Amino acid sequence: MKILITGGAGFIGSSIADAYLAAGHDVVIVDNLYSGKRENIPAKARFHEIDIVSPKIAEVLEAERPEVISHHAAQMDVRLSVASPTFDAEVNIVGTIRLLEAAVKSGVKRVIFASSGGAAYGEQENFPACEADRTNPVSPYGVSKRAGEHYLFYYHAVHGLPYLAFRYANVYGPRQDPHGEAGVVAIFCEKLLRGEAPRINGDGRQTRDYVFIEDLVRANVAALSSSYVGPMNIGTGVETDVVALAEKLVAHSGTKLAPTNGPAKMGEQRRSVVDPGLARRELGWEPRVLPDEGLAHTYDWFRERFPK
């Protein structure tokens, strides 16, 4: 099967690319390298350095004719979306529309979309949130991800393009970028390795559902043999607050550094946790790696690569 991965030079996209190649698929990667890294691109994948916002994305799809698109290219910084909603919409909404237009014209058979299980739900009404719950995003990023789901529904209804919109919880693990809002685990790991205390925004009692990258990759592999259409949560159903997260990493690092607190950030919801029951029923998927194990593995990965 030929699969085109947008954002395939990033943390999540490149990890999925590795798994697809290992399973014997033909992988094409599209990335503008704005945040993705060239060294993440697998040697066996074909690479197009292009922005999904560019009209030239249609030429790439026409030339490659993939059967499946795994759409992970995005503006994913919540704080940047608050500062520049227009830029966020250009990448996450206009870029997605251009991609879906090209997908229809080039005969793509299925789209797997990286949505958000935190920002798209916003301030949840139920804990954990399930796919039928109302979505009340409180950041432009969450709005743009939810808009992507609506456009997927439209292209399926009008053009017959099947899709699966994964609402990811907070993804972490080896290869995560420590230089971005979305990588709090990586940020804390790097700070500890530099001998600096982790800095927590606000009181640190805001919770998130942390899903390990290897678990998320398994969901994306399972999605290739699924015909399910619609949104689907990928998370653990377990809430962990930022204070506990920092304490776990500090303990594993063997340091005595006490986390510090800074001001709370705009656009962040207080609690976020998703119900993975639908993925269990439809994909036979469930998380295998809980935070204690995953955080230790992630810290060790960063420690092995930290400059001596």
C-alpha atoms as a PDB file:
ATOM      1  CA  MET A   1       0.000   0.000   0.000  1.00  0.00           C
ATOM      2  CA  LYS A   2       1.269   3.481  -0.844  1.00  0.00           C
ATOM      3  CA  ILE A   3       0.839   5.918   2.050  1.00  0.00           C
ATOM      4  CA  LEU A   4       1.594   9.638   1.964  1.00  0.00           C
ATOM      5  CA  ILE A   5       2.394  11.164   5.359  1.00  0.00           C
ATOM      6  CA  THR A   6       2.197  14.924   5.738  1.00  0.00           C
ATOM      7  CA  GLY A   7       4.406  16.165   8.557  1.00  0.00           C
ATOM      8  CA  GLY A   8       6.421  12.981   8.197  1.00  0.00           C
ATOM      9  CA  ALA A   9       9.650  14.606   9.393  1.00  0.00           C
ATOM     10  CA  GLY A  10       8.104  15.401  12.767  1.00  0.00           C
ATOM     11  CA  PHE A  11       8.059  13.462  16.016  1.00  0.00           C
ATOM     12  CA  ILE A  12       4.763  11.649  15.430  1.00  0.00           C
ATOM     13  CA  GLY A  13       4.782  11.460  11.634  1.00  0.00           C
ATOM     14  CA  SER A  14       8.271   9.996  11.368  1.00  0.00           C
ATOM     15  CA  SER A  15       7.524   7.412  14.065  1.00  0.00           C
ATOM     16  CA  ILE A  16       4.471   6.298  12.080  1.00  0.00           C
ATOM     17  CA  ALA A  17       6.534   6.264   8.875  1.00  0.00           C
ATOM     18  CA  ASP A  18       9.015   3.866  10.460  1.00  0.00           C
ATOM     19  CA  ALA A  19       6.193   1.490  11.415  1.00  0.00           C
ATOM     20  CA  TYR A  20       4.544   1.622   7.999  1.00  0.00           C
ATOM     21  CA  LEU A  21       7.851   0.865   6.283  1.00  0.00           C
ATOM     22  CA  ALA A  22       8.514  -2.005   8.696  1.00  0.00           C
ATOM     23  CA  ALA A  23       5.109  -3.414   7.727  1.00  0.00           C
ATOM     24  CA  GLY A  24       6.118  -3.393   4.058  1.00  0.00           C
ATOM     25  CA  HIS A  25       4.239  -0.302   2.854  1.00  0.00           C
ATOM     26  CA  ASP A  26       5.482   2.247   0.324  1.00  0.00           C
ATOM     27  CA  VAL A  27       5.868   5.557   2.196  1.00  0.00           C
ATOM     28  CA  VAL A  28       5.974   9.085   0.784  1.00  0.00           C
ATOM     29  CA  ILE A  29       6.705  11.996   3.122  1.00  0.00           C
ATOM     30  CA  VAL A  30       5.655  15.605   2.657  1.00  0.00           C
ATOM     31  CA  ASP A  31       7.104  18.170   5.075  1.00  0.00           C
ATOM     32  CA  ASN A  32       8.214  21.805   4.862  1.00  0.00           C
ATOM     33  CA  LEU A  33      10.852  21.210   7.582  1.00  0.00           C
ATOM     34  CA  TYR A  34       9.552  24.208   9.535  1.00  0.00           C
ATOM     35  CA  SER A  35       9.560  22.124  12.703  1.00  0.00           C
ATOM     36  CA  GLY A  36      10.291  18.661  11.311  1.00  0.00           C
ATOM     37  CA  LYS A  37      13.851  17.395  11.080  1.00  0.00           C
ATOM     38  CA  ARG A  38      15.466  15.976   7.988  1.00  0.00           C
ATOM     39  CA  GLU A  39      17.268  13.380  10.111  1.00  0.00           C
ATOM     40  CA  ASN A  40      13.891  11.951  11.164  1.00  0.00           C
ATOM     41  CA  ILE A  41      12.994  10.996   7.592  1.00  0.00           C
ATOM     42  CA  PRO A  42      13.513   7.254   7.003  1.00  0.00           C
ATOM     43  CA  ALA A  43      15.979   6.439   4.244  1.00  0.00           C
ATOM     44  CA  LYS A  44      13.474   4.192   2.475  1.00  0.00           C
ATOM     45  CA  ALA A  45      10.788   6.890   2.238  1.00  0.00           C
ATOM     46  CA  ARG A  46      10.483   9.270  -0.714  1.00  0.00           C
ATOM     47  CA  PHE A  47      10.550  12.884   0.421  1.00  0.00           C
ATOM     48  CA  HIS A  48       8.948  16.053  -0.961  1.00  0.00           C
ATOM     49  CA  GLU A  49       9.935  19.281   0.771  1.00  0.00           C
ATOM     50  CA  ILE A  50       6.749  21.267   0.353  1.00  0.00           C
ATOM     51  CA  ASP A  51       4.188  23.108   2.465  1.00  0.00           C
ATOM     52  CA  ILE A  52       0.638  21.730   2.491  1.00  0.00           C
ATOM     53  CA  VAL A  53      -0.616  25.308   2.123  1.00  0.00           C
ATOM     54  CA  SER A  54       1.087  25.497  -1.282  1.00  0.00           C
ATOM     55  CA  PRO A  55      -1.051  24.776  -4.356  1.00  0.00           C
ATOM     56  CA  LYS A  56       1.821  22.524  -5.450  1.00  0.00           C
ATOM     57  CA  ILE A  57       0.585  19.883  -2.996  1.00  0.00           C
ATOM     58  CA  ALA A  58      -1.852  18.851  -5.742  1.00  0.00           C
ATOM     59  CA  GLU A  59       1.082  18.119  -8.074  1.00  0.00           C
ATOM     60  CA  VAL A  60       2.672  15.851  -5.482  1.00  0.00           C
ATOM     61  CA  LEU A  61      -0.528  13.834  -5.020  1.00  0.00           C
ATOM     62  CA  GLU A  62      -1.091  13.619  -8.769  1.00  0.00           C
ATOM     63  CA  ALA A  63       2.446  12.294  -9.250  1.00  0.00           C
ATOM     64  CA  GLU A  64       2.464   9.884  -6.293  1.00  0.00           C
ATOM     65  CA  ARG A  65      -1.176   8.683  -6.349  1.00  0.00           C
ATOM     66  CA  PRO A  66      -1.216   7.386  -2.750  1.00  0.00           C
ATOM     67  CA  GLU A  67      -3.989   5.095  -1.562  1.00  0.00           C
ATOM     68  CA  VAL A  68      -3.921   6.532   1.968  1.00  0.00           C
ATOM     69  CA  ILE A  69      -3.024   9.954   3.358  1.00  0.00           C
ATOM     70  CA  SER A  70      -1.847  10.208   6.962  1.00  0.00           C
ATOM     71  CA  HIS A  71      -2.297  13.911   7.639  1.00  0.00           C
ATOM     72  CA  HIS A  72      -0.048  15.038  10.488  1.00  0.00           C
ATOM     73  CA  ALA A  73       1.296  18.350   9.155  1.00  0.00           C
ATOM     74  CA  ALA A  74      -0.013  21.139  11.374  1.00  0.00           C
ATOM     75  CA  GLN A  75       0.576  24.297  13.327  1.00  0.00           C
ATOM     76  CA  MET A  76       0.397  22.656  16.742  1.00  0.00           C
ATOM     77  CA  ASP A  77       1.437  25.345  19.227  1.00  0.00           C
ATOM     78  CA  VAL A  78      -1.595  26.422  21.293  1.00  0.00           C
ATOM     79  CA  ARG A  79       0.098  29.632  22.424  1.00  0.00           C
ATOM     80  CA  LEU A  80       1.080  30.588  18.884  1.00  0.00           C
ATOM     81  CA  SER A  81      -2.507  29.989  17.791  1.00  0.00           C
ATOM     82  CA  VAL A  82      -3.689  32.436  20.457  1.00  0.00           C
ATOM     83  CA  ALA A  83      -1.107  35.003  19.338  1.00  0.00           C
ATOM     84  CA  SER A  84      -1.793  34.481  15.620  1.00  0.00           C
ATOM     85  CA  PRO A  85      -5.158  32.848  14.878  1.00  0.00           C
ATOM     86  CA  THR A  86      -4.844  33.735  11.194  1.00  0.00           C
ATOM     87  CA  PHE A  87      -1.593  31.834  10.764  1.00  0.00           C
ATOM     88  CA  ASP A  88      -3.043  28.866  12.640  1.00  0.00           C
ATOM     89  CA  ALA A  89      -6.082  28.814  10.341  1.00  0.00           C
ATOM     90  CA  GLU A  90      -3.972  29.146   7.192  1.00  0.00           C
ATOM     91  CA  VAL A  91      -1.992  26.031   8.051  1.00  0.00           C
ATOM     92  CA  ASN A  92      -4.573  23.871   9.801  1.00  0.00           C
ATOM     93  CA  ILE A  93      -7.727  24.790   7.886  1.00  0.00           C
ATOM     94  CA  VAL A  94      -6.648  26.073   4.463  1.00  0.00           C
ATOM     95  CA  GLY A  95      -3.817  23.528   4.287  1.00  0.00           C
ATOM     96  CA  THR A  96      -6.211  20.692   5.109  1.00  0.00           C
ATOM     97  CA  ILE A  97      -8.720  21.867   2.479  1.00  0.00           C
ATOM     98  CA  ARG A  98      -6.013  22.001  -0.201  1.00  0.00           C
ATOM     99  CA  LEU A  99      -4.939  18.497   0.745  1.00  0.00           C
ATOM    100  CA  LEU A 100      -8.475  17.094   0.660  1.00  0.00           C
ATOM    101  CA  GLU A 101      -9.218  18.747  -2.683  1.00  0.00           C
ATOM    102  CA  ALA A 102      -6.109  17.119  -4.119  1.00  0.00           C
ATOM    103  CA  ALA A 103      -6.976  13.803  -2.456  1.00  0.00           C
ATOM    104  CA  VAL A 104     -10.346  13.652  -4.195  1.00  0.00           C
ATOM    105  CA  LYS A 105      -8.835  14.485  -7.596  1.00  0.00           C
ATOM    106  CA  SER A 106      -6.004  11.953  -7.287  1.00  0.00           C
ATOM    107  CA  GLY A 107      -8.184   9.050  -6.140  1.00  0.00           C
ATOM    108  CA  VAL A 108      -7.099   8.702  -2.498  1.00  0.00           C
ATOM    109  CA  LYS A 109      -9.097   5.940  -0.799  1.00  0.00           C
ATOM    110  CA  ARG A 110      -8.762   6.941   2.871  1.00  0.00           C
ATOM    111  CA  VAL A 111      -7.497   9.786   5.065  1.00  0.00           C
ATOM    112  CA  ILE A 112      -6.166   9.345   8.597  1.00  0.00           C
ATOM    113  CA  PHE A 113      -6.225  12.731  10.306  1.00  0.00           C
ATOM    114  CA  ALA A 114      -4.334  13.825  13.405  1.00  0.00           C
ATOM    115  CA  SER A 115      -6.882  15.771  15.424  1.00  0.00           C
ATOM    116  CA  SER A 116      -6.690  16.695  19.108  1.00  0.00           C
ATOM    117  CA  GLY A 117      -8.202  14.956  22.096  1.00  0.00           C
ATOM    118  CA  GLY A 118      -7.402  17.868  24.341  1.00  0.00           C
ATOM    119  CA  ALA A 119      -7.759  21.144  22.469  1.00  0.00           C
ATOM    120  CA  ALA A 120     -10.742  20.022  20.381  1.00  0.00           C
ATOM    121  CA  TYR A 121     -12.815  19.114  23.463  1.00  0.00           C
ATOM    122  CA  GLY A 122     -11.774  22.237  25.355  1.00  0.00           C
ATOM    123  CA  GLU A 123     -13.269  22.498  28.831  1.00  0.00           C
ATOM    124  CA  GLN A 124     -14.784  19.033  29.099  1.00  0.00           C
ATOM    125  CA  GLU A 125     -18.212  18.315  30.501  1.00  0.00           C
ATOM    126  CA  ASN A 126     -17.479  14.634  31.180  1.00  0.00           C
ATOM    127  CA  PHE A 127     -14.325  12.884  32.384  1.00  0.00           C
ATOM    128  CA  PRO A 128     -13.057  11.071  30.459  1.00  0.00           C
ATOM    129  CA  ALA A 129     -14.494  12.568  27.278  1.00  0.00           C
ATOM    130  CA  CYS A 130     -16.003  10.290  24.657  1.00  0.00           C
ATOM    131  CA  GLU A 131     -16.472  11.040  20.983  1.00  0.00           C
ATOM    132  CA  ALA A 132     -20.180  11.887  21.368  1.00  0.00           C
ATOM    133  CA  ASP A 133     -19.486  14.630  23.931  1.00  0.00           C
ATOM    134  CA  ARG A 134     -19.762  18.277  22.968  1.00  0.00           C
ATOM    135  CA  THR A 135     -16.596  19.991  21.779  1.00  0.00           C
ATOM    136  CA  ASN A 136     -15.935  23.450  23.197  1.00  0.00           C
ATOM    137  CA  PRO A 137     -12.406  24.440  22.100  1.00  0.00           C
ATOM    138  CA  VAL A 138     -10.928  27.386  23.973  1.00  0.00           C
ATOM    139  CA  SER A 139      -8.005  28.048  21.618  1.00  0.00           C
ATOM    140  CA  PRO A 140      -7.761  28.776  17.889  1.00  0.00           C
ATOM    141  CA  TYR A 141      -5.714  25.581  17.589  1.00  0.00           C
ATOM    142  CA  GLY A 142      -8.592  23.535  19.009  1.00  0.00           C
ATOM    143  CA  VAL A 143     -11.026  25.332  16.722  1.00  0.00           C
ATOM    144  CA  SER A 144      -8.890  24.607  13.658  1.00  0.00           C
ATOM    145  CA  LYS A 145      -8.544  20.922  14.513  1.00  0.00           C
ATOM    146  CA  ARG A 146     -12.286  20.600  15.013  1.00  0.00           C
ATOM    147  CA  ALA A 147     -12.795  22.420  11.708  1.00  0.00           C
ATOM    148  CA  GLY A 148     -10.567  19.824  10.052  1.00  0.00           C
ATOM    149  CA  GLU A 149     -12.923  17.112  11.298  1.00  0.00           C
ATOM    150  CA  HIS A 150     -15.919  18.986   9.888  1.00  0.00           C
ATOM    151  CA  TYR A 151     -14.249  19.283   6.489  1.00  0.00           C
ATOM    152  CA  LEU A 152     -13.453  15.576   6.530  1.00  0.00           C
ATOM    153  CA  PHE A 153     -17.122  14.862   7.222  1.00  0.00           C
ATOM    154  CA  TYR A 154     -18.055  17.080   4.267  1.00  0.00           C
ATOM    155  CA  TYR A 155     -15.621  15.415   1.852  1.00  0.00           C
ATOM    156  CA  HIS A 156     -16.863  12.002   2.940  1.00  0.00           C
ATOM    157  CA  ALA A 157     -20.532  12.955   2.554  1.00  0.00           C
ATOM    158  CA  VAL A 158     -20.169  14.770  -0.752  1.00  0.00           C
ATOM    159  CA  HIS A 159     -17.184  13.073  -2.405  1.00  0.00           C
ATOM    160  CA  GLY A 160     -17.209   9.644  -0.745  1.00  0.00           C
ATOM    161  CA  LEU A 161     -13.744  10.066   0.807  1.00  0.00           C
ATOM    162  CA  PRO A 162     -13.511   7.822   3.907  1.00  0.00           C
ATOM    163  CA  TYR A 163     -11.607   9.134   6.916  1.00  0.00           C
ATOM    164  CA  LEU A 164     -10.607   8.415  10.473  1.00  0.00           C
ATOM    165  CA  ALA A 165      -9.938  11.431  12.707  1.00  0.00           C
ATOM    166  CA  PHE A 166      -7.741  10.413  15.621  1.00  0.00           C
ATOM    167  CA  ARG A 167      -8.257  12.671  18.627  1.00  0.00           C
ATOM    168  CA  TYR A 168      -4.845  12.249  20.185  1.00  0.00           C
ATOM    169  CA  ALA A 169      -4.269  12.816  23.875  1.00  0.00           C
ATOM    170  CA  ASN A 170      -0.903  14.397  24.842  1.00  0.00           C
ATOM    171  CA  VAL A 171       1.654  12.358  22.943  1.00  0.00           C
ATOM    172  CA  TYR A 172       5.159  11.920  24.349  1.00  0.00           C
ATOM    173  CA  GLY A 173       8.170   9.690  23.866  1.00  0.00           C
ATOM    174  CA  PRO A 174      11.536   9.333  22.146  1.00  0.00           C
ATOM    175  CA  ARG A 175      12.171  11.797  19.301  1.00  0.00           C
ATOM    176  CA  GLN A 176       9.835  14.426  20.749  1.00  0.00           C
ATOM    177  CA  ASP A 177      10.971  18.006  20.172  1.00  0.00           C
ATOM    178  CA  PRO A 178      11.852  19.806  23.428  1.00  0.00           C
ATOM    179  CA  HIS A 179      11.642  23.193  21.701  1.00  0.00           C
ATOM    180  CA  GLY A 180       7.879  23.582  21.414  1.00  0.00           C
ATOM    181  CA  GLU A 181       4.718  23.980  23.489  1.00  0.00           C
ATOM    182  CA  ALA A 182       3.457  20.521  22.659  1.00  0.00           C
ATOM    183  CA  GLY A 183       6.492  18.764  24.093  1.00  0.00           C
ATOM    184  CA  VAL A 184       6.208  19.300  27.867  1.00  0.00           C
ATOM    185  CA  VAL A 185       7.774  15.903  28.659  1.00  0.00           C
ATOM    186  CA  ALA A 186      10.683  16.591  26.328  1.00  0.00           C
ATOM    187  CA  ILE A 187      11.046  20.127  27.704  1.00  0.00           C
ATOM    188  CA  PHE A 188      11.286  18.820  31.264  1.00  0.00           C
ATOM    189  CA  CYS A 189      13.751  16.082  30.239  1.00  0.00           C
ATOM    190  CA  GLU A 190      16.058  18.581  28.574  1.00  0.00           C
ATOM    191  CA  LYS A 191      15.919  20.979  31.519  1.00  0.00           C
ATOM    192  CA  LEU A 192      16.795  18.226  33.987  1.00  0.00           C
ATOM    193  CA  LEU A 193      19.699  17.084  31.830  1.00  0.00           C
ATOM    194  CA  ARG A 194      20.966  20.678  31.785  1.00  0.00           C
ATOM    195  CA  GLY A 195      20.753  20.793  35.556  1.00  0.00           C
ATOM    196  CA  GLU A 196      17.783  23.166  35.496  1.00  0.00           C
ATOM    197  CA  ALA A 197      14.523  22.837  37.415  1.00  0.00           C
ATOM    198  CA  PRO A 198      11.367  22.169  35.363  1.00  0.00           C
ATOM    199  CA  ARG A 199       9.190  25.282  35.097  1.00  0.00           C
ATOM    200  CA  ILE A 200       5.463  24.665  35.593  1.00  0.00           C
ATOM    201  CA  ASN A 201       2.839  27.027  34.180  1.00  0.00           C
ATOM    202  CA  GLY A 202       0.351  28.071  36.856  1.00  0.00           C
ATOM    203  CA  ASP A 203      -0.196  25.849  39.874  1.00  0.00           C
ATOM    204  CA  GLY A 204       0.557  22.665  37.912  1.00  0.00           C
ATOM    205  CA  ARG A 205      -2.696  20.991  38.882  1.00  0.00           C
ATOM    206  CA  GLN A 206      -3.970  21.080  35.314  1.00  0.00           C
ATOM    207  CA  THR A 207      -4.305  17.482  34.104  1.00  0.00           C
ATOM    208  CA  ARG A 208      -3.588  15.795  30.824  1.00  0.00           C
ATOM    209  CA  ASP A 209      -3.914  12.300  29.372  1.00  0.00           C
ATOM    210  CA  TYR A 210      -0.394  11.253  28.325  1.00  0.00           C
ATOM    211  CA  VAL A 211      -0.190   8.599  25.609  1.00  0.00           C
ATOM    212  CA  PHE A 212       3.134   7.003  24.690  1.00  0.00           C
ATOM    213  CA  ILE A 213       4.296   7.267  21.076  1.00  0.00           C
ATOM    214  CA  GLU A 214       4.599   3.497  20.594  1.00  0.00           C
ATOM    215  CA  ASP A 215       0.955   3.061  21.568  1.00  0.00           C
ATOM    216  CA  LEU A 216      -0.128   5.813  19.195  1.00  0.00           C
ATOM    217  CA  VAL A 217       1.863   4.241  16.347  1.00  0.00           C
ATOM    218  CA  ARG A 218       0.083   0.919  16.902  1.00  0.00           C
ATOM    219  CA  ALA A 219      -3.249   2.710  16.506  1.00  0.00           C
ATOM    220  CA  ASN A 220      -2.129   4.159  13.176  1.00  0.00           C
ATOM    221  CA  VAL A 221      -1.072   0.742  11.936  1.00  0.00           C
ATOM    222  CA  ALA A 222      -4.405  -0.757  13.014  1.00  0.00           C
ATOM    223  CA  ALA A 223      -6.241   2.059  11.207  1.00  0.00           C
ATOM    224  CA  LEU A 224      -4.984   0.800   7.839  1.00  0.00           C
ATOM    225  CA  SER A 225      -7.195  -2.286   8.077  1.00  0.00           C
ATOM    226  CA  SER A 226     -10.220  -0.501   9.564  1.00  0.00           C
ATOM    227  CA  SER A 227     -13.202   0.898   7.647  1.00  0.00           C
ATOM    228  CA  TYR A 228     -14.451   3.008  10.554  1.00  0.00           C
ATOM    229  CA  VAL A 229     -15.409   6.581   9.615  1.00  0.00           C
ATOM    230  CA  GLY A 230     -15.479   9.409  12.156  1.00  0.00           C
ATOM    231  CA  PRO A 231     -13.550  10.739  15.158  1.00  0.00           C
ATOM    232  CA  MET A 232     -11.796   8.360  17.550  1.00  0.00           C
ATOM    233  CA  ASN A 233      -9.956   9.034  20.807  1.00  0.00           C
ATOM    234  CA  ILE A 234      -6.432   7.730  21.292  1.00  0.00           C
ATOM    235  CA  GLY A 235      -5.457   8.055  24.939  1.00  0.00           C
ATOM    236  CA  THR A 236      -5.178   6.186  28.204  1.00  0.00           C
ATOM    237  CA  GLY A 237      -8.213   7.428  30.125  1.00  0.00           C
ATOM    238  CA  VAL A 238      -5.847   8.350  32.988  1.00  0.00           C
ATOM    239  CA  GLU A 239      -5.332  11.925  34.202  1.00  0.00           C
ATOM    240  CA  THR A 240      -1.886  13.078  35.312  1.00  0.00           C
ATOM    241  CA  ASP A 241      -1.289  16.597  36.564  1.00  0.00           C
ATOM    242  CA  VAL A 242       1.831  18.540  35.636  1.00  0.00           C
ATOM    243  CA  VAL A 243       3.173  18.526  39.202  1.00  0.00           C
ATOM    244  CA  ALA A 244       3.038  14.714  39.278  1.00  0.00           C
ATOM    245  CA  LEU A 245       4.608  14.535  35.818  1.00  0.00           C
ATOM    246  CA  ALA A 246       7.525  16.727  36.905  1.00  0.00           C
ATOM    247  CA  GLU A 247       7.973  14.763  40.126  1.00  0.00           C
ATOM    248  CA  LYS A 248       8.131  11.457  38.246  1.00  0.00           C
ATOM    249  CA  LEU A 249      10.806  12.786  35.897  1.00  0.00           C
ATOM    250  CA  VAL A 250      12.808  14.382  38.720  1.00  0.00           C
ATOM    251  CA  ALA A 251      12.740  11.099  40.638  1.00  0.00           C
ATOM    252  CA  HIS A 252      13.876   9.100  37.621  1.00  0.00           C
ATOM    253  CA  SER A 253      16.652  11.597  36.875  1.00  0.00           C
ATOM    254  CA  GLY A 254      18.108  11.098  40.338  1.00  0.00           C
ATOM    255  CA  THR A 255      18.414  14.849  40.871  1.00  0.00           C
ATOM    256  CA  LYS A 256      17.143  16.975  43.744  1.00  0.00           C
ATOM    257  CA  LEU A 257      15.818  19.779  41.538  1.00  0.00           C
ATOM    258  CA  ALA A 258      12.507  21.182  42.747  1.00  0.00           C
ATOM    259  CA  PRO A 259      10.119  22.366  39.997  1.00  0.00           C
ATOM    260  CA  THR A 260       9.393  26.108  39.879  1.00  0.00           C
ATOM    261  CA  ASN A 261       6.120  27.815  38.989  1.00  0.00           C
ATOM    262  CA  GLY A 262       5.447  30.516  36.429  1.00  0.00           C
ATOM    263  CA  PRO A 263       2.253  32.294  35.318  1.00  0.00           C
ATOM    264  CA  ALA A 264      -0.600  30.281  33.786  1.00  0.00           C
ATOM    265  CA  LYS A 265      -0.883  30.384  29.990  1.00  0.00           C
ATOM    266  CA  MET A 266      -3.880  31.580  28.003  1.00  0.00           C
ATOM    267  CA  GLY A 267      -5.776  28.987  26.004  1.00  0.00           C
ATOM    268  CA  GLU A 268      -5.017  26.038  28.294  1.00  0.00           C
ATOM    269  CA  GLN A 269      -7.907  24.016  29.674  1.00  0.00           C
ATOM    270  CA  ARG A 270      -7.873  22.848  33.277  1.00  0.00           C
ATOM    271  CA  ARG A 271      -8.533  19.129  32.796  1.00  0.00           C
ATOM    272  CA  SER A 272      -8.159  16.876  29.787  1.00  0.00           C
ATOM    273  CA  VAL A 273      -8.628  13.108  29.566  1.00  0.00           C
ATOM    274  CA  VAL A 274     -10.210  10.949  26.857  1.00  0.00           C
ATOM    275  CA  ASP A 275     -12.043   7.634  26.815  1.00  0.00           C
ATOM    276  CA  PRO A 276     -10.309   5.121  24.484  1.00  0.00           C
ATOM    277  CA  GLY A 277     -13.244   2.691  24.496  1.00  0.00           C
ATOM    278  CA  LEU A 278     -14.182   3.229  20.849  1.00  0.00           C
ATOM    279  CA  ALA A 279     -10.633   2.462  19.684  1.00  0.00           C
ATOM    280  CA  ARG A 280     -10.748  -0.719  21.758  1.00  0.00           C
ATOM    281  CA  ARG A 281     -13.987  -1.811  20.119  1.00  0.00           C
ATOM    282  CA  GLU A 282     -13.220  -0.784  16.535  1.00  0.00           C
ATOM    283  CA  LEU A 283      -9.450  -1.313  16.270  1.00  0.00           C
ATOM    284  CA  GLY A 284      -8.770  -3.836  19.015  1.00  0.00           C
ATOM    285  CA  TRP A 285      -6.401  -1.178  20.381  1.00  0.00           C
ATOM    286  CA  GLU A 286      -5.657  -0.204  23.938  1.00  0.00           C
ATOM    287  CA  PRO A 287      -2.729   1.563  25.593  1.00  0.00           C
ATOM    288  CA  ARG A 288       0.003  -0.697  26.888  1.00  0.00           C
ATOM    289  CA  VAL A 289       2.450   1.852  28.302  1.00  0.00           C
ATOM    290  CA  LEU A 290       1.365   3.917  31.320  1.00  0.00           C
ATOM    291  CA  PRO A 291       3.185   7.089  32.402  1.00  0.00           C
ATOM    292  CA  ASP A 292       5.684   5.631  34.901  1.00  0.00           C
ATOM    293  CA  GLU A 293       7.182   3.298  32.292  1.00  0.00           C
ATOM    294  CA  GLY A 294       6.859   5.689  29.365  1.00  0.00           C
ATOM    295  CA  LEU A 295       8.404   8.651  31.169  1.00  0.00           C
ATOM    296  CA  ALA A 296      11.367   6.577  32.311  1.00  0.00           C
ATOM    297  CA  HIS A 297      11.925   5.283  28.780  1.00  0.00           C
ATOM    298  CA  THR A 298      11.666   8.795  27.336  1.00  0.00           C
ATOM    299  CA  TYR A 299      14.090  10.317  29.861  1.00  0.00           C
ATOM    300  CA  ASP A 300      16.611   7.544  29.203  1.00  0.00           C
ATOM    301  CA  TRP A 301      16.358   8.175  25.451  1.00  0.00           C
ATOM    302  CA  PHE A 302      17.141  11.861  25.930  1.00  0.00           C
ATOM    303  CA  ARG A 303      19.962  11.100  28.372  1.00  0.00           C
ATOM    304  CA  GLU A 304      21.667   8.799  25.866  1.00  0.00           C
ATOM    305  CA  ARG A 305      21.666  11.587  23.274  1.00  0.00           C
ATOM    306  CA  PHE A 306      22.424  14.540  25.505  1.00  0.00           C
ATOM    307  CA  PRO A 307      25.774  16.210  24.715  1.00  0.00           C
ATOM    308  CA  LYS A 308      28.451  15.088  27.161  1.00  0.00           C
END
